[in-house]
Structures are given as C-alpha cells and as structure tokens.
C-alpha cells in the first residue's frame, strides 16, 4: 500500500511516497529546486543514468517495459537525444 505526501524543506515542496513502511523522496523535486528543469533533462540524457534507471526499474517495477526502454537506450549518446521525466 502506498501513501503520497509532500515535505516542505526550506520553503520547497518535495514529494514523499511511503510504500510498505519504506519512505521515498522525489529526487526530481529536489534537483528542480536547486538547478531548474535543465539539470534534470541533462542528467537524464547521461548513459550511466539510464543504465542505473534500467537496473532499478528491473528490480523494483514488475510492470517495467523493457522493450520501450531498449528504444530509449539505443538513442542515448546522440547529441539530439532528449528525454523528459515522464518518458
């Protein structure tokens, strides 16, 4: 069972999700507050970041779409490659 809420840290709202008594904070909210959306999109373009997300999703997300991710990974490293948090 999961429960979503928000933390307020130095007047900045940070998402918090509790799943099975484990708390997860939203790193995207934290990074946006510091460096804006540009930093997040730049970080997501990094091949190492994508590999980490692939491993994490494979372990913790039973609905992870490996086929769609393979398409995204094949584009990484190309200068024109961009991806959003939602993608």
N, C-alpha and C. Protein backbone atom coordinates (compact mmCIF):
# COMPACT_ATOMS: atom_id res chain seq x y z
N UNK A 1 0.84 -1.17 0.00
CA UNK A 1 0.00 0.00 0.00
C UNK A 1 0.89 1.24 0.00
N UNK A 2 0.55 2.24 -0.79
CA UNK A 2 1.36 3.45 -0.84
C UNK A 2 0.56 4.67 -0.42
N UNK A 3 1.29 5.65 0.08
CA UNK A 3 0.69 6.90 0.52
C UNK A 3 1.60 8.03 0.06
N UNK A 4 1.05 9.03 -0.62
CA UNK A 4 1.83 10.16 -1.10
C UNK A 4 1.57 11.38 -0.24
N UNK A 5 2.62 12.15 -0.04
CA UNK A 5 2.50 13.39 0.71
C UNK A 5 3.61 14.33 0.24
N UNK A 6 3.70 15.48 0.82
CA UNK A 6 4.75 16.45 0.47
C UNK A 6 5.49 16.86 1.74
N UNK A 7 6.78 17.01 1.62
CA UNK A 7 7.60 17.59 2.67
C UNK A 7 7.88 19.03 2.27
N UNK A 8 8.05 19.90 3.21
CA UNK A 8 8.47 21.26 2.91
C UNK A 8 9.84 21.45 3.55
N UNK A 9 10.84 21.67 2.69
CA UNK A 9 12.22 21.85 3.13
C UNK A 9 12.69 23.20 2.62
N UNK A 10 13.01 24.09 3.51
CA UNK A 10 13.43 25.45 3.16
C UNK A 10 12.46 26.08 2.14
N UNK A 11 11.17 25.99 2.44
CA UNK A 11 10.08 26.55 1.64
C UNK A 11 9.94 25.91 0.26
N UNK A 12 10.46 24.68 0.08
CA UNK A 12 10.36 23.97 -1.19
C UNK A 12 9.61 22.66 -0.94
N UNK A 13 8.57 22.42 -1.75
CA UNK A 13 7.81 21.17 -1.61
C UNK A 13 8.55 20.03 -2.29
N UNK A 14 8.74 18.95 -1.54
CA UNK A 14 9.41 17.75 -2.04
C UNK A 14 8.44 16.58 -1.87
N UNK A 15 8.20 15.85 -2.95
CA UNK A 15 7.30 14.71 -2.89
C UNK A 15 7.85 13.60 -2.02
N UNK A 16 6.97 12.93 -1.30
CA UNK A 16 7.33 11.80 -0.44
C UNK A 16 6.28 10.71 -0.65
N UNK A 17 6.74 9.50 -0.92
CA UNK A 17 5.84 8.37 -1.08
C UNK A 17 6.26 7.31 -0.07
N UNK A 18 5.29 6.78 0.66
CA UNK A 18 5.53 5.68 1.59
C UNK A 18 4.92 4.42 1.00
N UNK A 19 5.75 3.40 0.82
CA UNK A 19 5.31 2.12 0.27
C UNK A 19 5.77 1.03 1.22
N UNK A 20 4.81 0.30 1.78
CA UNK A 20 5.14 -0.80 2.71
C UNK A 20 6.11 -0.35 3.80
N UNK A 21 5.82 0.75 4.42
CA UNK A 21 6.62 1.31 5.52
C UNK A 21 8.00 1.80 5.10
N UNK A 22 8.25 1.93 3.80
CA UNK A 22 9.51 2.50 3.29
C UNK A 22 9.20 3.87 2.70
N UNK A 23 9.99 4.88 3.03
CA UNK A 23 9.80 6.23 2.51
C UNK A 23 10.73 6.51 1.35
N UNK A 24 10.19 7.14 0.30
CA UNK A 24 10.97 7.52 -0.88
C UNK A 24 10.73 9.00 -1.15
N UNK A 25 11.81 9.77 -1.30
CA UNK A 25 11.67 11.18 -1.61
C UNK A 25 11.86 11.38 -3.11
N UNK A 26 11.31 12.45 -3.62
CA UNK A 26 11.38 12.74 -5.05
C UNK A 26 12.65 13.52 -5.36
N UNK A 27 13.62 12.83 -5.96
CA UNK A 27 14.88 13.49 -6.31
C UNK A 27 14.66 14.56 -7.36
N UNK A 28 13.70 14.35 -8.25
CA UNK A 28 13.41 15.34 -9.28
C UNK A 28 13.00 16.66 -8.66
N UNK A 29 12.13 16.62 -7.65
CA UNK A 29 11.72 17.85 -6.97
C UNK A 29 12.91 18.55 -6.34
N UNK A 30 13.80 17.78 -5.74
CA UNK A 30 14.98 18.37 -5.09
C UNK A 30 15.90 19.04 -6.11
N UNK A 31 16.16 18.37 -7.22
CA UNK A 31 17.06 18.91 -8.23
C UNK A 31 16.45 20.13 -8.91
N UNK A 32 15.15 20.06 -9.21
CA UNK A 32 14.47 21.21 -9.83
C UNK A 32 14.59 22.44 -8.94
N UNK A 33 14.46 22.25 -7.65
CA UNK A 33 14.53 23.38 -6.73
C UNK A 33 15.91 24.02 -6.75
N UNK A 34 16.93 23.24 -6.96
CA UNK A 34 18.29 23.77 -6.96
C UNK A 34 18.70 24.33 -8.32
N UNK A 35 18.47 23.55 -9.38
CA UNK A 35 19.02 23.90 -10.69
C UNK A 35 18.00 24.05 -11.81
N UNK A 36 16.73 23.89 -11.53
CA UNK A 36 15.71 24.02 -12.55
C UNK A 36 15.58 22.77 -13.41
N UNK A 37 14.69 22.83 -14.37
CA UNK A 37 14.39 21.69 -15.23
C UNK A 37 15.56 21.30 -16.13
N UNK A 38 16.41 22.26 -16.50
CA UNK A 38 17.50 21.96 -17.42
C UNK A 38 18.41 20.88 -16.87
N UNK A 39 18.76 20.97 -15.60
CA UNK A 39 19.66 20.00 -15.00
C UNK A 39 19.06 18.60 -15.04
N UNK A 40 17.78 18.46 -14.76
CA UNK A 40 17.12 17.17 -14.77
C UNK A 40 17.17 16.56 -16.16
N UNK A 41 16.82 17.32 -17.19
CA UNK A 41 16.83 16.77 -18.54
C UNK A 41 18.24 16.42 -18.99
N UNK A 42 19.23 17.21 -18.59
CA UNK A 42 20.62 16.93 -18.93
C UNK A 42 21.09 15.65 -18.24
N UNK A 43 20.73 15.49 -16.98
CA UNK A 43 21.09 14.31 -16.21
C UNK A 43 20.48 13.06 -16.83
N UNK A 44 19.22 13.15 -17.29
CA UNK A 44 18.54 12.00 -17.87
C UNK A 44 19.15 11.57 -19.21
N UNK A 45 19.86 12.46 -19.88
CA UNK A 45 20.49 12.12 -21.15
C UNK A 45 21.74 11.27 -20.96
N UNK A 46 22.29 11.25 -19.76
CA UNK A 46 23.53 10.54 -19.48
C UNK A 46 23.31 9.03 -19.57
N UNK A 47 24.17 8.34 -20.30
CA UNK A 47 24.06 6.90 -20.49
C UNK A 47 24.14 6.18 -19.15
N UNK A 48 25.00 6.63 -18.25
CA UNK A 48 25.13 5.98 -16.94
C UNK A 48 23.84 6.11 -16.13
N UNK A 49 23.19 7.25 -16.22
CA UNK A 49 21.92 7.45 -15.52
C UNK A 49 20.88 6.47 -16.07
N UNK A 50 20.81 6.35 -17.38
CA UNK A 50 19.85 5.44 -17.99
C UNK A 50 20.11 3.99 -17.58
N UNK A 51 21.38 3.60 -17.50
CA UNK A 51 21.71 2.24 -17.08
C UNK A 51 21.28 2.00 -15.63
N UNK A 52 21.49 3.00 -14.78
CA UNK A 52 21.06 2.89 -13.39
C UNK A 52 19.53 2.75 -13.31
N UNK A 53 18.82 3.60 -14.04
CA UNK A 53 17.36 3.54 -14.03
C UNK A 53 16.86 2.19 -14.57
N UNK A 54 17.53 1.66 -15.57
CA UNK A 54 17.17 0.35 -16.12
C UNK A 54 17.32 -0.73 -15.05
N UNK A 55 18.42 -0.72 -14.33
CA UNK A 55 18.64 -1.73 -13.28
C UNK A 55 17.61 -1.58 -12.17
N UNK A 56 17.36 -0.34 -11.73
CA UNK A 56 16.42 -0.11 -10.63
C UNK A 56 15.01 -0.54 -11.03
N UNK A 57 14.58 -0.12 -12.20
CA UNK A 57 13.23 -0.47 -12.66
C UNK A 57 13.10 -1.98 -12.83
N UNK A 58 14.15 -2.64 -13.34
CA UNK A 58 14.11 -4.08 -13.50
C UNK A 58 13.93 -4.81 -12.17
N UNK A 59 14.51 -4.27 -11.11
CA UNK A 59 14.42 -4.92 -9.79
C UNK A 59 13.11 -4.60 -9.07
N UNK A 60 12.61 -3.36 -9.21
CA UNK A 60 11.51 -2.91 -8.36
C UNK A 60 10.19 -2.64 -9.07
N UNK A 61 10.16 -2.67 -10.38
CA UNK A 61 8.94 -2.35 -11.11
C UNK A 61 8.48 -3.57 -11.93
N UNK A 62 7.51 -4.32 -11.42
CA UNK A 62 7.07 -5.51 -12.15
C UNK A 62 6.41 -5.18 -13.50
N UNK A 63 6.00 -3.93 -13.70
CA UNK A 63 5.37 -3.52 -14.96
C UNK A 63 6.35 -2.81 -15.89
N UNK A 64 7.64 -2.91 -15.61
CA UNK A 64 8.65 -2.22 -16.41
C UNK A 64 8.61 -2.71 -17.86
N UNK A 65 8.60 -1.77 -18.79
CA UNK A 65 8.51 -2.08 -20.22
C UNK A 65 9.93 -2.11 -20.80
N UNK A 66 10.55 -3.28 -20.80
CA UNK A 66 11.93 -3.42 -21.29
C UNK A 66 12.06 -3.08 -22.76
N UNK A 67 11.04 -3.42 -23.55
CA UNK A 67 11.08 -3.11 -24.98
C UNK A 67 11.14 -1.62 -25.25
N UNK A 68 10.31 -0.87 -24.56
CA UNK A 68 10.30 0.59 -24.72
C UNK A 68 11.63 1.18 -24.24
N UNK A 69 12.14 0.63 -23.14
CA UNK A 69 13.41 1.13 -22.63
C UNK A 69 14.55 0.86 -23.61
N UNK A 70 14.54 -0.28 -24.29
CA UNK A 70 15.58 -0.60 -25.27
C UNK A 70 15.61 0.46 -26.37
N UNK A 71 14.44 0.95 -26.76
CA UNK A 71 14.35 2.01 -27.77
C UNK A 71 14.98 3.30 -27.25
N UNK A 72 14.68 3.63 -26.00
CA UNK A 72 15.24 4.84 -25.40
C UNK A 72 16.76 4.72 -25.28
N UNK A 73 17.23 3.57 -24.79
CA UNK A 73 18.67 3.37 -24.58
C UNK A 73 19.41 3.45 -25.91
N UNK A 74 18.82 2.95 -26.98
CA UNK A 74 19.51 2.97 -28.28
C UNK A 74 19.75 4.39 -28.79
N UNK A 75 18.94 5.34 -28.32
CA UNK A 75 19.08 6.73 -28.74
C UNK A 75 20.06 7.51 -27.86
N UNK A 76 20.35 7.01 -26.67
CA UNK A 76 21.21 7.74 -25.75
C UNK A 76 22.61 7.87 -26.34
N UNK A 77 23.25 8.96 -26.04
CA UNK A 77 24.57 9.23 -26.57
C UNK A 77 24.55 10.07 -27.83
N UNK A 78 23.41 10.16 -28.48
CA UNK A 78 23.26 11.01 -29.66
C UNK A 78 23.02 12.43 -29.17
N UNK A 79 23.69 13.41 -29.77
CA UNK A 79 23.58 14.79 -29.30
C UNK A 79 22.15 15.31 -29.28
N UNK A 80 21.32 14.86 -30.20
CA UNK A 80 19.94 15.36 -30.27
C UNK A 80 19.01 14.63 -29.31
N UNK A 81 19.49 13.62 -28.60
CA UNK A 81 18.65 12.84 -27.70
C UNK A 81 18.20 13.67 -26.50
N UNK A 82 16.89 13.69 -26.27
CA UNK A 82 16.32 14.35 -25.10
C UNK A 82 15.25 13.45 -24.56
N UNK A 83 15.09 13.47 -23.24
CA UNK A 83 14.06 12.67 -22.59
C UNK A 83 13.53 13.45 -21.40
N UNK A 84 12.26 13.30 -21.14
CA UNK A 84 11.66 14.00 -20.00
C UNK A 84 11.49 13.03 -18.85
N UNK A 85 11.19 13.54 -17.69
CA UNK A 85 10.96 12.72 -16.51
C UNK A 85 9.78 11.79 -16.76
N UNK A 86 8.73 12.27 -17.39
CA UNK A 86 7.54 11.45 -17.65
C UNK A 86 7.84 10.31 -18.61
N UNK A 87 8.72 10.54 -19.59
CA UNK A 87 9.05 9.48 -20.53
C UNK A 87 9.81 8.40 -19.82
